[in-house]
PDB file of N, CA and C in Angstrom:
ATOM      1  N   UNK A   1     -38.882  17.509 -46.615  1.00  0.00           N
ATOM      2  CA  UNK A   1     -40.552  16.643 -46.561  1.00  0.00           C
ATOM      3  C   UNK A   1     -41.086  17.745 -45.943  1.00  0.00           C
ATOM      4  N   UNK A   2     -42.481  17.712 -46.577  1.00  0.00           N
ATOM      5  CA  UNK A   2     -43.412  18.861 -46.152  1.00  0.00           C
ATOM      6  C   UNK A   2     -44.372  18.555 -44.906  1.00  0.00           C
ATOM      7  N   UNK A   3     -44.593  19.402 -44.114  1.00  0.00           N
ATOM      8  CA  UNK A   3     -45.231  19.025 -42.761  1.00  0.00           C
ATOM      9  C   UNK A   3     -46.561  17.962 -43.040  1.00  0.00           C
ATOM     10  N   UNK A   4     -47.263  18.085 -44.103  1.00  0.00           N
ATOM     11  CA  UNK A   4     -47.954  17.259 -44.349  1.00  0.00           C
ATOM     12  C   UNK A   4     -47.717  15.641 -44.521  1.00  0.00           C
ATOM     13  N   UNK A   5     -46.457  15.570 -45.024  1.00  0.00           N
ATOM     14  CA  UNK A   5     -45.735  14.302 -45.230  1.00  0.00           C
ATOM     15  C   UNK A   5     -45.324  13.673 -43.779  1.00  0.00           C
ATOM     16  N   UNK A   6     -44.729  14.663 -43.132  1.00  0.00           N
ATOM     17  CA  UNK A   6     -44.312  14.363 -41.499  1.00  0.00           C
ATOM     18  C   UNK A   6     -45.589  13.643 -40.942  1.00  0.00           C
ATOM     19  N   UNK A   7     -46.870  14.443 -41.220  1.00  0.00           N
ATOM     20  CA  UNK A   7     -47.745  13.801 -40.220  1.00  0.00           C
ATOM     21  C   UNK A   7     -48.229  12.423 -40.720  1.00  0.00           C
ATOM     22  N   UNK A   8     -47.590  11.699 -41.725  1.00  0.00           N
ATOM     23  CA  UNK A   8     -48.093  10.336 -41.917  1.00  0.00           C
ATOM     24  C   UNK A   8     -47.122   9.540 -41.363  1.00  0.00           C
ATOM     25  N   UNK A   9     -47.517   9.039 -40.190  1.00  0.00           N
ATOM     26  CA  UNK A   9     -46.554   8.125 -39.385  1.00  0.00           C
ATOM     27  C   UNK A   9     -46.891   6.813 -39.572  1.00  0.00           C
ATOM     28  N   UNK A  10     -45.848   5.961 -39.641  1.00  0.00           N
ATOM     29  CA  UNK A  10     -45.836   4.454 -39.899  1.00  0.00           C
ATOM     30  C   UNK A  10     -45.373   3.829 -38.793  1.00  0.00           C
ATOM     31  N   UNK A  11     -45.578   2.541 -38.554  1.00  0.00           N
ATOM     32  CA  UNK A  11     -44.643   1.652 -37.922  1.00  0.00           C
ATOM     33  C   UNK A  11     -43.215   1.589 -38.292  1.00  0.00           C
ATOM     34  N   UNK A  12     -42.188   1.649 -37.778  1.00  0.00           N
ATOM     35  CA  UNK A  12     -40.721   1.593 -38.363  1.00  0.00           C
ATOM     36  C   UNK A  12     -40.507   2.771 -38.472  1.00  0.00           C
ATOM     37  N   UNK A  13     -40.904   4.147 -38.296  1.00  0.00           N
ATOM     38  CA  UNK A  13     -40.465   5.024 -38.628  1.00  0.00           C
ATOM     39  C   UNK A  13     -39.561   5.758 -37.664  1.00  0.00           C
ATOM     40  N   UNK A  14     -38.593   6.286 -37.666  1.00  0.00           N
ATOM     41  CA  UNK A  14     -37.646   6.928 -36.781  1.00  0.00           C
ATOM     42  C   UNK A  14     -37.611   8.079 -36.614  1.00  0.00           C
ATOM     43  N   UNK A  15     -37.752   8.645 -35.204  1.00  0.00           N
ATOM     44  CA  UNK A  15     -37.748  10.069 -34.821  1.00  0.00           C
ATOM     45  C   UNK A  15     -36.361  10.273 -34.222  1.00  0.00           C
ATOM     46  N   UNK A  16     -35.852  11.322 -34.453  1.00  0.00           N
ATOM     47  CA  UNK A  16     -34.466  11.869 -33.691  1.00  0.00           C
ATOM     48  C   UNK A  16     -34.894  13.120 -32.723  1.00  0.00           C
ATOM     49  N   UNK A  17     -34.806  13.048 -31.535  1.00  0.00           N
ATOM     50  CA  UNK A  17     -35.021  14.070 -30.795  1.00  0.00           C
ATOM     51  C   UNK A  17     -33.812  15.086 -30.651  1.00  0.00           C
ATOM     52  N   UNK A  18     -33.929  16.249 -31.062  1.00  0.00           N
ATOM     53  CA  UNK A  18     -32.958  17.113 -31.102  1.00  0.00           C
ATOM     54  C   UNK A  18     -32.614  17.753 -29.378  1.00  0.00           C
ATOM     55  N   UNK A  19     -33.420  17.780 -28.458  1.00  0.00           N
ATOM     56  CA  UNK A  19     -33.256  18.017 -27.574  1.00  0.00           C
ATOM     57  C   UNK A  19     -32.471  17.293 -26.311  1.00  0.00           C
ATOM     58  N   UNK A  20     -32.928  15.902 -26.545  1.00  0.00           N
ATOM     59  CA  UNK A  20     -32.116  14.847 -25.823  1.00  0.00           C
ATOM     60  C   UNK A  20     -30.953  14.158 -26.554  1.00  0.00           C
ATOM     61  N   UNK A  21     -31.206  14.109 -27.710  1.00  0.00           N
ATOM     62  CA  UNK A  21     -30.031  13.427 -28.266  1.00  0.00           C
ATOM     63  C   UNK A  21     -30.376  11.835 -28.474  1.00  0.00           C
ATOM     64  N   UNK A  22     -31.844  11.431 -28.486  1.00  0.00           N
ATOM     65  CA  UNK A  22     -32.206  10.283 -28.177  1.00  0.00           C
ATOM     66  C   UNK A  22     -32.626   9.906 -29.802  1.00  0.00           C
ATOM     67  N   UNK A  23     -32.984   8.635 -30.208  1.00  0.00           N
ATOM     68  CA  UNK A  23     -33.590   8.224 -31.037  1.00  0.00           C
ATOM     69  C   UNK A  23     -34.723   7.035 -30.758  1.00  0.00           C
ATOM     70  N   UNK A  24     -35.540   6.981 -31.294  1.00  0.00           N
ATOM     71  CA  UNK A  24     -36.858   6.573 -31.333  1.00  0.00           C
ATOM     72  C   UNK A  24     -37.325   5.766 -32.637  1.00  0.00           C
ATOM     73  N   UNK A  25     -38.000   4.558 -32.277  1.00  0.00           N
ATOM     74  CA  UNK A  25     -38.627   3.944 -33.317  1.00  0.00           C
ATOM     75  C   UNK A  25     -40.153   3.743 -32.875  1.00  0.00           C
ATOM     76  N   UNK A  26     -41.186   4.041 -34.018  1.00  0.00           N
ATOM     77  CA  UNK A  26     -42.573   3.965 -33.649  1.00  0.00           C
ATOM     78  C   UNK A  26     -42.839   2.413 -34.098  1.00  0.00           C
ATOM     79  N   UNK A  27     -43.490   2.146 -32.807  1.00  0.00           N
ATOM     80  CA  UNK A  27     -43.683   0.569 -32.680  1.00  0.00           C
ATOM     81  C   UNK A  27     -45.009   0.262 -32.620  1.00  0.00           C
ATOM     82  N   UNK A  28     -46.060   1.185 -32.330  1.00  0.00           N
ATOM     83  CA  UNK A  28     -47.515   0.740 -32.294  1.00  0.00           C
ATOM     84  C   UNK A  28     -48.311   1.829 -32.534  1.00  0.00           C
ATOM     85  N   UNK A  29     -49.313   1.573 -33.121  1.00  0.00           N
ATOM     86  CA  UNK A  29     -50.414   2.717 -33.292  1.00  0.00           C
ATOM     87  C   UNK A  29     -51.775   2.461 -32.556  1.00  0.00           C
ATOM     88  N   UNK A  30     -52.526   2.844 -31.940  1.00  0.00           N
ATOM     89  CA  UNK A  30     -53.712   2.542 -31.348  1.00  0.00           C
ATOM     90  C   UNK A  30     -54.505   3.862 -30.738  1.00  0.00           C
ATOM     91  N   UNK A  31     -55.826   3.362 -30.681  1.00  0.00           N
ATOM     92  CA  UNK A  31     -56.917   4.284 -30.061  1.00  0.00           C
ATOM     93  C   UNK A  31     -56.988   4.261 -28.561  1.00  0.00           C
ATOM     94  N   UNK A  32     -56.472   5.362 -27.730  1.00  0.00           N
ATOM     95  CA  UNK A  32     -56.363   5.689 -26.623  1.00  0.00           C
ATOM     96  C   UNK A  32     -57.357   5.003 -25.691  1.00  0.00           C
ATOM     97  N   UNK A  33     -58.802   5.087 -26.189  1.00  0.00           N
ATOM     98  CA  UNK A  33     -59.801   4.708 -25.427  1.00  0.00           C
ATOM     99  C   UNK A  33     -60.452   3.746 -26.220  1.00  0.00           C
ATOM    100  N   UNK A  34     -59.800   2.515 -26.861  1.00  0.00           N
ATOM    101  CA  UNK A  34     -60.471   1.376 -27.700  1.00  0.00           C
ATOM    102  C   UNK A  34     -60.995   0.288 -26.566  1.00  0.00           C
ATOM    103  N   UNK A  35     -61.962   0.025 -26.863  1.00  0.00           N
ATOM    104  CA  UNK A  35     -62.774  -0.729 -26.181  1.00  0.00           C
ATOM    105  C   UNK A  35     -63.481  -0.311 -24.821  1.00  0.00           C
ATOM    106  N   UNK A  36     -63.577   1.029 -24.734  1.00  0.00           N
ATOM    107  CA  UNK A  36     -64.182   1.685 -23.470  1.00  0.00           C
ATOM    108  C   UNK A  36     -65.523   1.650 -23.654  1.00  0.00           C
ATOM    109  N   UNK A  37     -65.878   1.638 -24.965  1.00  0.00           N
ATOM    110  CA  UNK A  37     -67.710   1.780 -25.272  1.00  0.00           C
ATOM    111  C   UNK A  37     -68.558   0.788 -24.456  1.00  0.00           C
ATOM    112  N   UNK A  38     -67.830  -0.514 -24.070  1.00  0.00           N
ATOM    113  CA  UNK A  38     -68.439  -1.881 -23.699  1.00  0.00           C
ATOM    114  C   UNK A  38     -68.571  -1.200 -21.992  1.00  0.00           C
ATOM    115  N   UNK A  39     -67.916  -0.365 -21.590  1.00  0.00           N
ATOM    116  CA  UNK A  39     -67.668  -0.274 -19.971  1.00  0.00           C
ATOM    117  C   UNK A  39     -68.864   0.882 -20.033  1.00  0.00           C
ATOM    118  N   UNK A  40     -69.089   1.539 -20.973  1.00  0.00           N
ATOM    119  CA  UNK A  40     -70.165   2.733 -20.512  1.00  0.00           C
ATOM    120  C   UNK A  40     -71.426   2.549 -20.334  1.00  0.00           C
ATOM    121  N   UNK A  41     -72.310   3.055 -19.716  1.00  0.00           N
ATOM    122  CA  UNK A  41     -73.772   2.739 -19.474  1.00  0.00           C
ATOM    123  C   UNK A  41     -74.566   2.724 -20.664  1.00  0.00           C
ATOM    124  N   UNK A  42     -74.192   4.100 -21.560  1.00  0.00           N
ATOM    125  CA  UNK A  42     -74.776   4.183 -22.751  1.00  0.00           C
ATOM    126  C   UNK A  42     -73.827   3.850 -23.904  1.00  0.00           C
ATOM    127  N   UNK A  43     -73.924   2.729 -24.668  1.00  0.00           N
ATOM    128  CA  UNK A  43     -72.722   2.463 -25.688  1.00  0.00           C
ATOM    129  C   UNK A  43     -72.950   3.205 -26.677  1.00  0.00           C
ATOM    130  N   UNK A  44     -74.036   4.196 -26.937  1.00  0.00           N
ATOM    131  CA  UNK A  44     -74.282   5.313 -28.108  1.00  0.00           C
ATOM    132  C   UNK A  44     -73.345   6.511 -27.504  1.00  0.00           C
ATOM    133  N   UNK A  45     -73.183   6.295 -26.299  1.00  0.00           N
ATOM    134  CA  UNK A  45     -72.528   8.052 -25.695  1.00  0.00           C
ATOM    135  C   UNK A  45     -71.216   8.263 -26.899  1.00  0.00           C
ATOM    136  N   UNK A  46     -71.110   9.415 -27.142  1.00  0.00           N
ATOM    137  CA  UNK A  46     -70.050   9.810 -28.075  1.00  0.00           C
ATOM    138  C   UNK A  46     -68.654   9.836 -27.431  1.00  0.00           C
ATOM    139  N   UNK A  47     -67.730   9.378 -27.782  1.00  0.00           N
ATOM    140  CA  UNK A  47     -66.600   9.345 -27.176  1.00  0.00           C
ATOM    141  C   UNK A  47     -65.203  10.076 -28.107  1.00  0.00           C
ATOM    142  N   UNK A  48     -64.762  11.001 -28.042  1.00  0.00           N
ATOM    143  CA  UNK A  48     -63.832  11.385 -28.677  1.00  0.00           C
ATOM    144  C   UNK A  48     -62.512  10.824 -28.471  1.00  0.00           C
ATOM    145  N   UNK A  49     -62.332   9.977 -29.406  1.00  0.00           N
ATOM    146  CA  UNK A  49     -60.835   8.968 -29.059  1.00  0.00           C
ATOM    147  C   UNK A  49     -59.628   9.515 -29.739  1.00  0.00           C
ATOM    148  N   UNK A  50     -58.701   9.168 -29.030  1.00  0.00           N
ATOM    149  CA  UNK A  50     -57.265   9.944 -29.160  1.00  0.00           C
ATOM    150  C   UNK A  50     -56.440   8.814 -29.718  1.00  0.00           C
ATOM    151  N   UNK A  51     -55.873   9.327 -31.029  1.00  0.00           N
ATOM    152  CA  UNK A  51     -54.760   8.403 -31.601  1.00  0.00           C
ATOM    153  C   UNK A  51     -53.592   8.511 -30.931  1.00  0.00           C
ATOM    154  N   UNK A  52     -52.902   7.387 -30.518  1.00  0.00           N
ATOM    155  CA  UNK A  52     -51.725   7.228 -29.917  1.00  0.00           C
ATOM    156  C   UNK A  52     -50.525   6.728 -30.237  1.00  0.00           C
ATOM    157  N   UNK A  53     -49.123   6.807 -30.233  1.00  0.00           N
ATOM    158  CA  UNK A  53     -48.108   6.041 -30.727  1.00  0.00           C
ATOM    159  C   UNK A  53     -47.386   5.580 -29.594  1.00  0.00           C
ATOM    160  N   UNK A  54     -46.792   4.286 -29.684  1.00  0.00           N
ATOM    161  CA  UNK A  54     -45.979   3.920 -28.579  1.00  0.00           C
ATOM    162  C   UNK A  54     -44.537   4.354 -29.406  1.00  0.00           C
ATOM    163  N   UNK A  55     -43.526   4.766 -28.657  1.00  0.00           N
ATOM    164  CA  UNK A  55     -42.266   4.794 -29.162  1.00  0.00           C
ATOM    165  C   UNK A  55     -41.144   4.265 -28.188  1.00  0.00           C
ATOM    166  N   UNK A  56     -40.171   3.114 -29.111  1.00  0.00           N
ATOM    167  CA  UNK A  56     -39.398   2.763 -28.281  1.00  0.00           C
ATOM    168  C   UNK A  56     -37.959   3.574 -28.338  1.00  0.00           C
ATOM    169  N   UNK A  57     -37.510   4.134 -27.305  1.00  0.00           N
ATOM    170  CA  UNK A  57     -36.220   5.202 -27.260  1.00  0.00           C
ATOM    171  C   UNK A  57     -35.213   4.442 -26.726  1.00  0.00           C
ATOM    172  N   UNK A  58     -33.909   4.880 -27.553  1.00  0.00           N
ATOM    173  CA  UNK A  58     -32.719   4.513 -27.192  1.00  0.00           C
ATOM    174  C   UNK A  58     -31.769   5.726 -27.241  1.00  0.00           C
ATOM    175  N   UNK A  59     -30.747   5.917 -26.267  1.00  0.00           N
ATOM    176  CA  UNK A  59     -29.796   7.061 -26.459  1.00  0.00           C
ATOM    177  C   UNK A  59     -29.353   7.491 -25.123  1.00  0.00           C
ATOM    178  N   UNK A  60     -28.651   8.263 -24.701  1.00  0.00           N
ATOM    179  CA  UNK A  60     -27.772   8.519 -23.521  1.00  0.00           C
ATOM    180  C   UNK A  60     -28.956   9.053 -22.224  1.00  0.00           C
ATOM    181  N   UNK A  61     -30.511   9.405 -22.577  1.00  0.00           N
ATOM    182  CA  UNK A  61     -31.153   9.934 -21.980  1.00  0.00           C
ATOM    183  C   UNK A  61     -32.407   9.023 -21.463  1.00  0.00           C
ATOM    184  N   UNK A  62     -32.169   7.857 -22.148  1.00  0.00           N
ATOM    185  CA  UNK A  62     -33.418   6.800 -21.680  1.00  0.00           C
ATOM    186  C   UNK A  62     -33.282   5.991 -20.354  1.00  0.00           C
ATOM    187  N   UNK A  63     -32.113   6.569 -19.573  1.00  0.00           N
ATOM    188  CA  UNK A  63     -32.000   5.527 -18.091  1.00  0.00           C
ATOM    189  C   UNK A  63     -33.528   5.935 -17.456  1.00  0.00           C
ATOM    190  N   UNK A  64     -33.821   6.943 -17.507  1.00  0.00           N
ATOM    191  CA  UNK A  64     -35.024   7.562 -16.768  1.00  0.00           C
ATOM    192  C   UNK A  64     -36.448   6.843 -16.934  1.00  0.00           C
ATOM    193  N   UNK A  65     -36.442   5.988 -17.869  1.00  0.00           N
ATOM    194  CA  UNK A  65     -37.215   4.868 -18.319  1.00  0.00           C
ATOM    195  C   UNK A  65     -37.102   3.551 -17.798  1.00  0.00           C
ATOM    196  N   UNK A  66     -38.481   2.655 -17.467  1.00  0.00           N
ATOM    197  CA  UNK A  66     -38.037   1.470 -17.195  1.00  0.00           C
ATOM    198  C   UNK A  66     -37.985   0.584 -18.423  1.00  0.00           C
ATOM    199  N   UNK A  67     -38.718   0.605 -19.415  1.00  0.00           N
ATOM    200  CA  UNK A  67     -38.602   0.009 -20.565  1.00  0.00           C
ATOM    201  C   UNK A  67     -38.121   0.797 -21.581  1.00  0.00           C
ATOM    202  N   UNK A  68     -38.040   1.643 -21.704  1.00  0.00           N
ATOM    203  CA  UNK A  68     -37.624   2.793 -22.914  1.00  0.00           C
ATOM    204  C   UNK A  68     -38.791   3.004 -23.925  1.00  0.00           C
ATOM    205  N   UNK A  69     -40.031   2.484 -23.390  1.00  0.00           N
ATOM    206  CA  UNK A  69     -41.376   2.685 -24.393  1.00  0.00           C
ATOM    207  C   UNK A  69     -41.869   4.039 -23.876  1.00  0.00           C
ATOM    208  N   UNK A  70     -42.378   5.222 -24.662  1.00  0.00           N
ATOM    209  CA  UNK A  70     -43.097   5.896 -24.156  1.00  0.00           C
ATOM    210  C   UNK A  70     -44.158   6.359 -25.183  1.00  0.00           C
ATOM    211  N   UNK A  71     -45.672   6.928 -24.633  1.00  0.00           N
ATOM    212  CA  UNK A  71     -46.559   6.965 -25.721  1.00  0.00           C
ATOM    213  C   UNK A  71     -46.865   8.501 -25.412  1.00  0.00           C
ATOM    214  N   UNK A  72     -46.982   8.679 -26.868  1.00  0.00           N
ATOM    215  CA  UNK A  72     -47.167  10.206 -27.502  1.00  0.00           C
ATOM    216  C   UNK A  72     -48.352  10.246 -28.568  1.00  0.00           C
ATOM    217  N   UNK A  73     -49.460  11.141 -28.040  1.00  0.00           N
ATOM    218  CA  UNK A  73     -50.743  11.560 -28.891  1.00  0.00           C
ATOM    219  C   UNK A  73     -50.076  11.913 -30.437  1.00  0.00           C
ATOM    220  N   UNK A  74     -50.806  11.401 -31.518  1.00  0.00           N
ATOM    221  CA  UNK A  74     -50.136  11.791 -32.896  1.00  0.00           C
ATOM    222  C   UNK A  74     -50.199  13.331 -32.938  1.00  0.00           C
ATOM    223  N   UNK A  75     -51.030  13.934 -32.603  1.00  0.00           N
ATOM    224  CA  UNK A  75     -51.271  15.319 -32.382  1.00  0.00           C
ATOM    225  C   UNK A  75     -49.918  16.072 -31.614  1.00  0.00           C
ATOM    226  N   UNK A  76     -49.388  15.332 -30.866  1.00  0.00           N
ATOM    227  CA  UNK A  76     -48.100  15.911 -30.040  1.00  0.00           C
ATOM    228  C   UNK A  76     -47.183  15.707 -31.068  1.00  0.00           C
ATOM    229  N   UNK A  77     -46.935  14.358 -31.675  1.00  0.00           N
ATOM    230  CA  UNK A  77     -45.845  14.423 -32.465  1.00  0.00           C
ATOM    231  C   UNK A  77     -45.671  15.342 -33.661  1.00  0.00           C
ATOM    232  N   UNK A  78     -46.932  15.508 -33.882  1.00  0.00           N
ATOM    233  CA  UNK A  78     -47.200  16.374 -35.166  1.00  0.00           C
ATOM    234  C   UNK A  78     -46.469  17.693 -34.751  1.00  0.00           C
ATOM    235  N   UNK A  79     -47.037  18.384 -33.477  1.00  0.00           N
ATOM    236  CA  UNK A  79     -46.177  19.623 -33.083  1.00  0.00           C
ATOM    237  C   UNK A  79     -44.791  19.587 -32.565  1.00  0.00           C
ATOM    238  N   UNK A  80     -44.305  18.367 -32.181  1.00  0.00           N
ATOM    239  CA  UNK A  80     -43.249  18.291 -31.573  1.00  0.00           C
ATOM    240  C   UNK A  80     -42.510  18.558 -33.234  1.00  0.00           C
ATOM    241  N   UNK A  81     -42.713  17.835 -33.931  1.00  0.00           N
ATOM    242  CA  UNK A  81     -42.108  17.837 -35.464  1.00  0.00           C
ATOM    243  C   UNK A  81     -42.147  19.132 -35.885  1.00  0.00           C
ATOM    244  N   UNK A  82     -43.162  19.937 -36.159  1.00  0.00           N
ATOM    245  CA  UNK A  82     -43.362  21.321 -36.722  1.00  0.00           C
ATOM    246  C   UNK A  82     -42.461  22.174 -35.703  1.00  0.00           C
ATOM    247  N   UNK A  83     -42.288  22.087 -34.504  1.00  0.00           N
ATOM    248  CA  UNK A  83     -41.506  22.728 -33.723  1.00  0.00           C
ATOM    249  C   UNK A  83     -40.087  22.821 -33.919  1.00  0.00           C
ATOM    250  N   UNK A  84     -39.483  21.627 -34.748  1.00  0.00           N
ATOM    251  CA  UNK A  84     -38.220  21.270 -34.594  1.00  0.00           C
ATOM    252  C   UNK A  84     -37.853  20.499 -33.345  1.00  0.00           C
ATOM    253  N   UNK A  85     -38.148  20.150 -32.392  1.00  0.00           N
ATOM    254  CA  UNK A  85     -38.153  19.397 -31.510  1.00  0.00           C
ATOM    255  C   UNK A  85     -37.745  17.943 -31.909  1.00  0.00           C
ATOM    256  N   UNK A  86     -38.359  17.303 -32.952  1.00  0.00           N
ATOM    257  CA  UNK A  86     -38.008  16.142 -33.533  1.00  0.00           C
ATOM    258  C   UNK A  86     -37.985  15.945 -34.913  1.00  0.00           C
ATOM    259  N   UNK A  87     -37.146  15.182 -35.319  1.00  0.00           N
ATOM    260  CA  UNK A  87     -37.059  15.100 -36.818  1.00  0.00           C
ATOM    261  C   UNK A  87     -37.514  13.578 -37.069  1.00  0.00           C
ATOM    262  N   UNK A  88     -38.238  13.367 -38.410  1.00  0.00           N
ATOM    263  CA  UNK A  88     -38.769  12.253 -38.886  1.00  0.00           C
ATOM    264  C   UNK A  88     -38.123  11.703 -39.680  1.00  0.00           C
ATOM    265  N   UNK A  89     -37.790  10.474 -39.955  1.00  0.00           N
ATOM    266  CA  UNK A  89     -36.855   9.594 -41.001  1.00  0.00           C
ATOM    267  C   UNK A  89     -38.294   8.594 -41.302  1.00  0.00           C
ATOM    268  N   UNK A  90     -38.403   8.472 -42.787  1.00  0.00           N
ATOM    269  CA  UNK A  90     -39.522   7.353 -42.839  1.00  0.00           C
ATOM    270  C   UNK A  90     -39.073   5.980 -43.076  1.00  0.00           C
ATOM    271  N   UNK A  91     -39.657   4.996 -42.509  1.00  0.00           N
ATOM    272  CA  UNK A  91     -39.206   3.931 -42.918  1.00  0.00           C
ATOM    273  C   UNK A  91     -39.642   3.279 -44.205  1.00  0.00           C
ATOM    274  N   UNK A  92     -39.017   3.532 -45.311  1.00  0.00           N
ATOM    275  CA  UNK A  92     -39.417   3.169 -46.789  1.00  0.00           C
ATOM    276  C   UNK A  92     -38.701   2.106 -47.394  1.00  0.00           C
TER     277      UNK A  92
END
């Protein structure tokens, strides 16, 4: 799988964390600042929004988290894939 293919995340994709030996499932994608324009004084003000993913983790190191769900930026996930910290398994 090429780096370009790896950057195309989808709900249901699985990631394996080589460092912690945990397995995660991508469960939700959303814009971090979604809906914030309504709270701004000037709704035309530019906001650089950030795409994020919620991942449900399971494995030996998830006891540190209350719900097992962690949020990652999409760019952060791409970096973790490129460095080999995570491995992506597409839900096809």
